[in-house]
């Protein structure tokens, strides 16, 4: 019996597979990076909420939100993707605060979230293509969805 000695893939078959993989990657990559961003936003929203609770507990003990003229009375959290700041003394009675989370890394820069002593949430900064800024909620997904 005579067997054909050719075995393996032809160049056309290999190019077809490479083309299909390239097309799938071009479609999937933007969705994957948006998925990562949405997951990293949870760092900001979670730490903002935790700091708000800590400030309310501080207020119950001290009847103010701050320890100095500008610093809030609880430690400011640190994060991998966001930096946090807290200013107290907001409002007409000087009995308020504003906590801000600002995106620091490359793909998180542009995101800015805030919460105040009344629990008012706001998105004050977003990268282009993520929708419009919102007051009353935090934008958690591309397109401006809260």
N, C-alpha and C. Protein backbone atom coordinates (compact mmCIF):
# COMPACT_ATOMS: atom_id res chain seq x y z
N UNK A 1 0.83 -1.18 0.00
CA UNK A 1 0.00 0.00 0.00
C UNK A 1 0.87 1.23 0.00
N UNK A 2 0.48 2.15 -0.75
CA UNK A 2 1.20 3.42 -0.84
C UNK A 2 0.46 4.47 -0.03
N UNK A 3 1.16 5.13 0.90
CA UNK A 3 0.57 6.20 1.72
C UNK A 3 1.13 7.53 1.30
N UNK A 4 0.28 8.52 1.35
CA UNK A 4 0.72 9.87 1.06
C UNK A 4 1.54 10.37 2.24
N UNK A 5 2.72 10.85 2.01
CA UNK A 5 3.63 11.25 3.07
C UNK A 5 3.32 12.64 3.64
N UNK A 6 2.41 13.35 3.01
CA UNK A 6 2.12 14.70 3.51
C UNK A 6 1.17 14.63 4.70
N UNK A 7 1.57 15.28 5.75
CA UNK A 7 0.74 15.34 6.95
C UNK A 7 0.93 16.73 7.54
N UNK A 8 -0.10 17.23 8.22
CA UNK A 8 0.01 18.56 8.82
C UNK A 8 -0.96 19.53 8.18
N UNK A 9 -0.69 20.81 8.40
CA UNK A 9 -1.57 21.87 7.93
C UNK A 9 -0.95 22.58 6.75
N UNK A 10 -1.78 23.04 5.86
CA UNK A 10 -1.29 23.85 4.76
C UNK A 10 -1.18 25.30 5.21
N UNK A 11 -0.50 26.08 4.44
CA UNK A 11 -0.33 27.49 4.76
C UNK A 11 -1.68 28.22 4.75
N UNK A 12 -2.54 27.88 3.84
CA UNK A 12 -3.87 28.50 3.77
C UNK A 12 -4.66 28.20 5.04
N UNK A 13 -4.62 26.98 5.52
CA UNK A 13 -5.33 26.63 6.75
C UNK A 13 -4.78 27.41 7.95
N UNK A 14 -3.49 27.53 8.05
CA UNK A 14 -2.88 28.29 9.14
C UNK A 14 -3.26 29.77 9.07
N UNK A 15 -3.24 30.37 7.88
CA UNK A 15 -3.62 31.77 7.74
C UNK A 15 -5.09 31.99 8.08
N UNK A 16 -5.93 31.05 7.75
CA UNK A 16 -7.34 31.14 8.09
C UNK A 16 -7.54 31.15 9.60
N UNK A 17 -6.86 30.28 10.31
CA UNK A 17 -6.97 30.22 11.76
C UNK A 17 -6.44 31.51 12.38
N UNK A 18 -5.31 31.99 11.91
CA UNK A 18 -4.73 33.23 12.45
C UNK A 18 -5.68 34.40 12.21
N UNK A 19 -6.31 34.47 11.06
CA UNK A 19 -7.25 35.54 10.75
C UNK A 19 -8.47 35.49 11.68
N UNK A 20 -9.00 34.32 11.89
CA UNK A 20 -10.16 34.18 12.77
C UNK A 20 -9.80 34.59 14.20
N UNK A 21 -8.66 34.16 14.69
CA UNK A 21 -8.22 34.54 16.04
C UNK A 21 -8.03 36.05 16.14
N UNK A 22 -7.46 36.67 15.12
CA UNK A 22 -7.25 38.12 15.14
C UNK A 22 -8.57 38.87 15.18
N UNK A 23 -9.54 38.43 14.42
CA UNK A 23 -10.86 39.09 14.40
C UNK A 23 -11.54 38.94 15.76
N UNK A 24 -11.51 37.75 16.32
CA UNK A 24 -12.12 37.53 17.65
C UNK A 24 -11.42 38.38 18.72
N UNK A 25 -10.11 38.49 18.65
CA UNK A 25 -9.37 39.30 19.62
C UNK A 25 -9.73 40.78 19.48
N UNK A 26 -9.87 41.26 18.26
CA UNK A 26 -10.22 42.67 18.05
C UNK A 26 -11.60 42.99 18.61
N UNK A 27 -12.48 42.04 18.58
CA UNK A 27 -13.83 42.25 19.12
C UNK A 27 -13.82 42.11 20.64
N UNK A 28 -13.11 41.15 21.17
CA UNK A 28 -13.16 40.83 22.59
C UNK A 28 -12.34 41.78 23.46
N UNK A 29 -11.24 42.31 22.97
CA UNK A 29 -10.34 43.11 23.81
C UNK A 29 -11.02 44.35 24.42
N UNK A 30 -11.74 45.17 23.65
CA UNK A 30 -12.40 46.32 24.27
C UNK A 30 -13.42 45.92 25.34
N UNK A 31 -14.14 44.85 25.12
CA UNK A 31 -15.09 44.39 26.13
C UNK A 31 -14.38 43.93 27.39
N UNK A 32 -13.25 43.30 27.22
CA UNK A 32 -12.49 42.82 28.37
C UNK A 32 -11.95 43.99 29.19
N UNK A 33 -11.42 45.02 28.53
CA UNK A 33 -10.89 46.16 29.28
C UNK A 33 -12.02 46.91 30.00
N UNK A 34 -13.19 47.01 29.39
CA UNK A 34 -14.33 47.63 30.08
C UNK A 34 -14.76 46.79 31.29
N UNK A 35 -14.69 45.49 31.15
CA UNK A 35 -15.00 44.59 32.27
C UNK A 35 -14.03 44.81 33.43
N UNK A 36 -12.74 44.96 33.12
CA UNK A 36 -11.76 45.22 34.17
C UNK A 36 -12.03 46.56 34.85
N UNK A 37 -12.37 47.57 34.08
CA UNK A 37 -12.67 48.89 34.65
C UNK A 37 -13.86 48.81 35.61
N UNK A 38 -14.91 48.14 35.18
CA UNK A 38 -16.10 48.02 36.05
C UNK A 38 -15.75 47.32 37.35
N UNK A 39 -14.87 46.33 37.29
CA UNK A 39 -14.45 45.64 38.51
C UNK A 39 -13.62 46.53 39.42
N UNK A 40 -12.83 47.41 38.83
CA UNK A 40 -11.97 48.29 39.64
C UNK A 40 -12.74 49.46 40.23
N UNK A 41 -13.87 49.80 39.66
CA UNK A 41 -14.71 50.88 40.21
C UNK A 41 -15.23 50.47 41.59
N UNK A 42 -15.38 49.18 41.81
CA UNK A 42 -15.87 48.70 43.11
C UNK A 42 -14.94 49.10 44.25
N UNK A 43 -13.64 49.25 43.95
CA UNK A 43 -12.71 49.72 44.99
C UNK A 43 -13.11 51.10 45.47
N UNK A 44 -13.41 51.98 44.52
CA UNK A 44 -13.78 53.36 44.89
C UNK A 44 -15.09 53.41 45.64
N UNK A 45 -16.11 52.78 45.11
CA UNK A 45 -17.43 52.87 45.74
C UNK A 45 -17.45 52.20 47.11
N UNK A 46 -16.77 51.08 47.23
CA UNK A 46 -16.73 50.39 48.51
C UNK A 46 -16.00 51.18 49.59
N UNK A 47 -14.86 51.76 49.23
CA UNK A 47 -14.10 52.52 50.22
C UNK A 47 -14.75 53.85 50.55
N UNK A 48 -15.44 54.45 49.58
CA UNK A 48 -16.19 55.68 49.87
C UNK A 48 -17.30 55.39 50.88
N UNK A 49 -18.02 54.31 50.68
CA UNK A 49 -19.10 53.95 51.60
C UNK A 49 -18.55 53.60 52.99
N UNK A 50 -17.44 52.88 53.04
CA UNK A 50 -16.85 52.53 54.33
C UNK A 50 -16.35 53.76 55.07
N UNK A 51 -15.77 54.70 54.34
CA UNK A 51 -15.27 55.91 54.99
C UNK A 51 -16.43 56.78 55.48
N UNK A 52 -17.52 56.78 54.74
CA UNK A 52 -18.70 57.52 55.19
C UNK A 52 -19.21 56.96 56.52
N UNK A 53 -19.26 55.65 56.65
CA UNK A 53 -19.70 55.02 57.90
C UNK A 53 -18.74 55.39 59.04
N UNK A 54 -17.44 55.33 58.76
CA UNK A 54 -16.45 55.66 59.79
C UNK A 54 -16.58 57.12 60.23
N UNK A 55 -16.85 58.03 59.29
CA UNK A 55 -17.02 59.44 59.64
C UNK A 55 -18.28 59.66 60.47
N UNK A 56 -19.33 58.94 60.18
CA UNK A 56 -20.55 59.08 60.99
C UNK A 56 -20.32 58.58 62.41
N UNK A 57 -19.55 57.50 62.55
CA UNK A 57 -19.21 57.02 63.89
C UNK A 57 -18.33 58.04 64.61
N UNK A 58 -17.39 58.66 63.90
CA UNK A 58 -16.53 59.70 64.49
C UNK A 58 -17.39 60.88 64.96
N UNK A 59 -18.38 61.23 64.14
CA UNK A 59 -19.25 62.35 64.50
C UNK A 59 -20.02 62.05 65.80
N UNK A 60 -20.48 60.83 65.95
CA UNK A 60 -21.22 60.46 67.16
C UNK A 60 -20.37 60.63 68.42
N UNK A 61 -19.07 60.43 68.30
CA UNK A 61 -18.17 60.56 69.44
C UNK A 61 -17.69 61.99 69.67
N UNK A 62 -17.54 62.79 68.61
CA UNK A 62 -16.87 64.09 68.70
C UNK A 62 -17.74 65.29 68.33
N UNK A 63 -18.92 65.04 67.80
CA UNK A 63 -19.83 66.10 67.35
C UNK A 63 -19.24 67.00 66.27
N UNK A 64 -18.29 66.47 65.53
CA UNK A 64 -17.79 67.10 64.30
C UNK A 64 -17.15 66.00 63.46
N UNK A 65 -16.80 66.34 62.23
CA UNK A 65 -16.26 65.34 61.31
C UNK A 65 -14.74 65.40 61.19
N UNK A 66 -14.11 66.42 61.78
CA UNK A 66 -12.70 66.59 61.53
C UNK A 66 -11.84 66.61 62.77
N UNK A 67 -10.57 66.38 62.53
CA UNK A 67 -9.61 66.41 63.62
C UNK A 67 -8.76 67.67 63.57
N UNK A 68 -8.64 68.28 62.40
CA UNK A 68 -7.94 69.56 62.24
C UNK A 68 -8.81 70.45 61.37
N UNK A 69 -8.29 71.56 60.98
CA UNK A 69 -9.08 72.51 60.20
C UNK A 69 -9.54 71.94 58.86
N UNK A 70 -8.78 71.04 58.28
CA UNK A 70 -9.16 70.51 56.97
C UNK A 70 -9.24 68.98 56.91
N UNK A 71 -8.56 68.28 57.80
CA UNK A 71 -8.51 66.82 57.71
C UNK A 71 -9.72 66.19 58.39
N UNK A 72 -10.24 65.17 57.78
CA UNK A 72 -11.34 64.43 58.40
C UNK A 72 -10.80 63.62 59.57
N UNK A 73 -11.68 63.25 60.46
CA UNK A 73 -11.28 62.61 61.70
C UNK A 73 -10.92 61.14 61.60
N UNK A 74 -11.04 60.55 60.44
CA UNK A 74 -10.69 59.13 60.27
C UNK A 74 -9.61 59.03 59.19
N UNK A 75 -8.80 57.98 59.24
CA UNK A 75 -7.75 57.84 58.22
C UNK A 75 -8.34 57.70 56.82
N UNK A 76 -7.68 58.33 55.87
CA UNK A 76 -8.09 58.22 54.47
C UNK A 76 -7.59 56.89 53.92
N UNK A 77 -8.45 56.10 53.29
CA UNK A 77 -8.00 54.80 52.78
C UNK A 77 -7.03 54.96 51.61
N UNK A 78 -6.28 53.93 51.37
CA UNK A 78 -5.42 53.90 50.19
C UNK A 78 -5.96 52.81 49.27
N UNK A 79 -5.67 52.96 48.00
CA UNK A 79 -6.16 51.98 47.04
C UNK A 79 -5.16 51.73 45.93
N UNK A 80 -5.38 50.68 45.18
CA UNK A 80 -4.51 50.36 44.05
C UNK A 80 -4.83 51.21 42.83
N UNK A 81 -6.10 51.52 42.64
CA UNK A 81 -6.53 52.20 41.42
C UNK A 81 -7.09 53.59 41.66
N UNK A 82 -7.32 53.94 42.92
CA UNK A 82 -7.90 55.24 43.26
C UNK A 82 -7.15 55.86 44.43
N UNK A 83 -7.09 57.20 44.44
CA UNK A 83 -6.62 57.92 45.61
C UNK A 83 -7.83 58.59 46.25
N UNK A 84 -7.79 58.74 47.55
CA UNK A 84 -8.94 59.23 48.30
C UNK A 84 -8.57 60.50 49.05
N UNK A 85 -9.52 61.42 49.11
CA UNK A 85 -9.33 62.64 49.89
C UNK A 85 -10.62 62.96 50.61
N UNK A 86 -10.49 63.68 51.72
CA UNK A 86 -11.65 64.02 52.53
C UNK A 86 -11.50 65.45 53.03
N UNK A 87 -12.52 66.25 52.82
CA UNK A 87 -12.56 67.61 53.33
C UNK A 87 -13.80 67.76 54.19
N UNK A 88 -13.63 68.30 55.36
CA UNK A 88 -14.77 68.51 56.23
C UNK A 88 -14.97 70.00 56.42
N UNK A 89 -16.14 70.35 56.95
CA UNK A 89 -16.48 71.75 57.13
C UNK A 89 -17.40 72.26 56.04
N UNK A 90 -17.95 71.36 55.25
CA UNK A 90 -18.86 71.76 54.18
C UNK A 90 -20.21 72.13 54.76
N UNK A 91 -20.92 72.97 54.08
CA UNK A 91 -22.27 73.34 54.51
C UNK A 91 -22.28 74.61 55.34
N UNK A 92 -23.47 75.15 55.53
CA UNK A 92 -23.60 76.44 56.23
C UNK A 92 -23.26 76.33 57.70
N UNK A 93 -23.46 75.16 58.32
CA UNK A 93 -23.18 75.02 59.74
C UNK A 93 -21.78 74.48 60.00
N UNK A 94 -20.99 74.32 58.94
CA UNK A 94 -19.63 73.81 59.06
C UNK A 94 -19.62 72.38 59.62
N UNK A 95 -20.71 71.67 59.44
CA UNK A 95 -20.85 70.31 59.95
C UNK A 95 -21.09 69.33 58.80
N UNK A 96 -20.17 69.25 57.90
CA UNK A 96 -20.32 68.35 56.77
C UNK A 96 -18.97 67.90 56.26
N UNK A 97 -18.98 67.04 55.26
CA UNK A 97 -17.74 66.57 54.64
C UNK A 97 -18.01 66.20 53.20
N UNK A 98 -16.95 66.08 52.45
CA UNK A 98 -16.99 65.60 51.07
C UNK A 98 -15.80 64.67 50.88
N UNK A 99 -16.10 63.41 50.54
CA UNK A 99 -15.05 62.41 50.28
C UNK A 99 -14.97 62.22 48.77
N UNK A 100 -13.75 62.19 48.25
CA UNK A 100 -13.53 62.08 46.81
C UNK A 100 -12.60 60.91 46.52
N UNK A 101 -12.95 60.11 45.51
CA UNK A 101 -12.10 59.04 44.99
C UNK A 101 -11.73 59.41 43.56
N UNK A 102 -10.43 59.49 43.29
CA UNK A 102 -9.93 59.89 41.97
C UNK A 102 -9.10 58.76 41.39
N UNK A 103 -9.40 58.34 40.17
CA UNK A 103 -8.66 57.28 39.51
C UNK A 103 -7.21 57.67 39.29
N UNK A 104 -6.29 56.73 39.55
CA UNK A 104 -4.86 57.07 39.48
C UNK A 104 -4.11 56.33 38.39
N UNK A 105 -4.47 55.11 38.08
CA UNK A 105 -3.69 54.36 37.10
C UNK A 105 -4.16 54.68 35.69
N UNK A 106 -3.40 54.22 34.71
CA UNK A 106 -3.66 54.55 33.32
C UNK A 106 -5.09 54.35 32.86
N UNK A 107 -5.63 53.15 33.04
CA UNK A 107 -6.98 52.92 32.53
C UNK A 107 -8.07 53.35 33.50
N UNK A 108 -7.70 53.82 34.69
CA UNK A 108 -8.70 54.32 35.64
C UNK A 108 -8.65 55.84 35.78
N UNK A 109 -7.67 56.47 35.14
CA UNK A 109 -7.60 57.92 35.24
C UNK A 109 -8.81 58.53 34.52
N UNK A 110 -9.32 59.58 35.09
CA UNK A 110 -10.52 60.22 34.56
C UNK A 110 -11.75 59.95 35.40
N UNK A 111 -11.75 58.87 36.17
CA UNK A 111 -12.88 58.55 37.04
C UNK A 111 -12.77 59.35 38.33
N UNK A 112 -13.84 60.06 38.71
CA UNK A 112 -13.89 60.79 39.98
C UNK A 112 -15.27 60.59 40.57
N UNK A 113 -15.30 60.05 41.78
CA UNK A 113 -16.55 59.79 42.50
C UNK A 113 -16.53 60.54 43.83
N UNK A 114 -17.69 61.06 44.27
CA UNK A 114 -17.78 61.75 45.55
C UNK A 114 -19.00 61.28 46.33
N UNK A 115 -18.94 61.51 47.64
CA UNK A 115 -20.08 61.32 48.52
C UNK A 115 -19.96 62.35 49.64
N UNK A 116 -21.09 62.88 50.08
CA UNK A 116 -21.05 63.90 51.14
C UNK A 116 -21.77 63.41 52.40
N UNK A 117 -21.87 64.31 53.38
CA UNK A 117 -22.45 63.96 54.69
C UNK A 117 -23.93 63.62 54.63
N UNK A 118 -24.61 64.02 53.58
CA UNK A 118 -26.02 63.69 53.41
C UNK A 118 -26.22 62.40 52.62
N UNK A 119 -25.14 61.76 52.21
CA UNK A 119 -25.23 60.55 51.42
C UNK A 119 -25.41 60.80 49.93
N UNK A 120 -25.24 62.06 49.51
CA UNK A 120 -25.38 62.40 48.10
C UNK A 120 -24.18 61.89 47.32
N UNK A 121 -24.43 61.03 46.37
CA UNK A 121 -23.38 60.46 45.53
C UNK A 121 -23.33 61.24 44.22
N UNK A 122 -22.13 61.38 43.68
CA UNK A 122 -21.99 62.05 42.39
C UNK A 122 -20.80 61.48 41.64
N UNK A 123 -20.93 61.46 40.34
CA UNK A 123 -19.82 61.13 39.45
C UNK A 123 -19.39 62.45 38.83
N UNK A 124 -18.22 62.93 39.23
CA UNK A 124 -17.78 64.25 38.79
C UNK A 124 -16.71 64.18 37.71
N UNK A 125 -16.30 62.99 37.34
CA UNK A 125 -15.33 62.84 36.26
C UNK A 125 -15.43 61.45 35.65
N UNK A 126 -15.40 61.40 34.32
CA UNK A 126 -15.44 60.14 33.58
C UNK A 126 -14.52 60.23 32.37
N UNK A 127 -13.90 59.12 31.96
CA UNK A 127 -13.15 59.14 30.71
C UNK A 127 -14.10 59.28 29.52
N UNK A 128 -13.57 59.69 28.41
CA UNK A 128 -14.42 59.87 27.23
C UNK A 128 -15.01 58.52 26.82
N UNK A 129 -16.25 58.56 26.38
CA UNK A 129 -16.94 57.36 25.94
C UNK A 129 -17.70 56.64 27.04
N UNK A 130 -17.62 57.15 28.27
CA UNK A 130 -18.31 56.48 29.38
C UNK A 130 -19.62 57.14 29.72
N UNK A 131 -20.08 58.07 28.95
CA UNK A 131 -21.38 58.70 29.20
C UNK A 131 -21.23 60.05 29.87
N UNK A 132 -22.35 60.54 30.39
CA UNK A 132 -22.36 61.87 30.98
C UNK A 132 -22.20 61.79 32.49
N UNK A 133 -21.75 62.89 33.07
CA UNK A 133 -21.59 62.98 34.52
C UNK A 133 -22.96 62.94 35.18
N UNK A 134 -23.02 62.34 36.35
CA UNK A 134 -24.29 62.16 37.04
C UNK A 134 -24.21 62.71 38.46
N UNK A 135 -25.27 63.36 38.89
CA UNK A 135 -25.41 63.70 40.30
C UNK A 135 -26.51 62.80 40.85
N UNK A 136 -26.34 62.35 42.06
CA UNK A 136 -27.32 61.46 42.66
C UNK A 136 -26.98 59.99 42.54
N UNK A 137 -25.93 59.66 41.77
CA UNK A 137 -25.54 58.26 41.65
C UNK A 137 -24.11 58.18 41.14
N UNK A 138 -23.53 57.01 41.24
CA UNK A 138 -22.20 56.74 40.70
C UNK A 138 -22.36 55.97 39.40
N UNK A 139 -21.73 56.44 38.34
CA UNK A 139 -21.75 55.75 37.05
C UNK A 139 -20.86 54.52 37.19
N UNK A 140 -21.45 53.35 37.00
CA UNK A 140 -20.75 52.09 37.20
C UNK A 140 -20.45 51.34 35.93
N UNK A 141 -21.07 51.74 34.82
CA UNK A 141 -20.83 51.04 33.57
C UNK A 141 -20.80 52.02 32.41
N UNK A 142 -20.18 51.59 31.34
CA UNK A 142 -20.04 52.42 30.15
C UNK A 142 -21.42 52.76 29.60
N UNK A 143 -21.59 54.00 29.22
CA UNK A 143 -22.88 54.46 28.73
C UNK A 143 -23.63 55.28 29.75
N UNK A 144 -23.07 55.46 30.93
CA UNK A 144 -23.68 56.32 31.93
C UNK A 144 -24.65 55.64 32.86
N UNK A 145 -24.68 54.32 32.88
CA UNK A 145 -25.60 53.61 33.77
C UNK A 145 -25.15 53.64 35.22
N UNK A 146 -26.09 53.98 36.08
CA UNK A 146 -25.78 54.03 37.52
C UNK A 146 -26.08 52.71 38.19
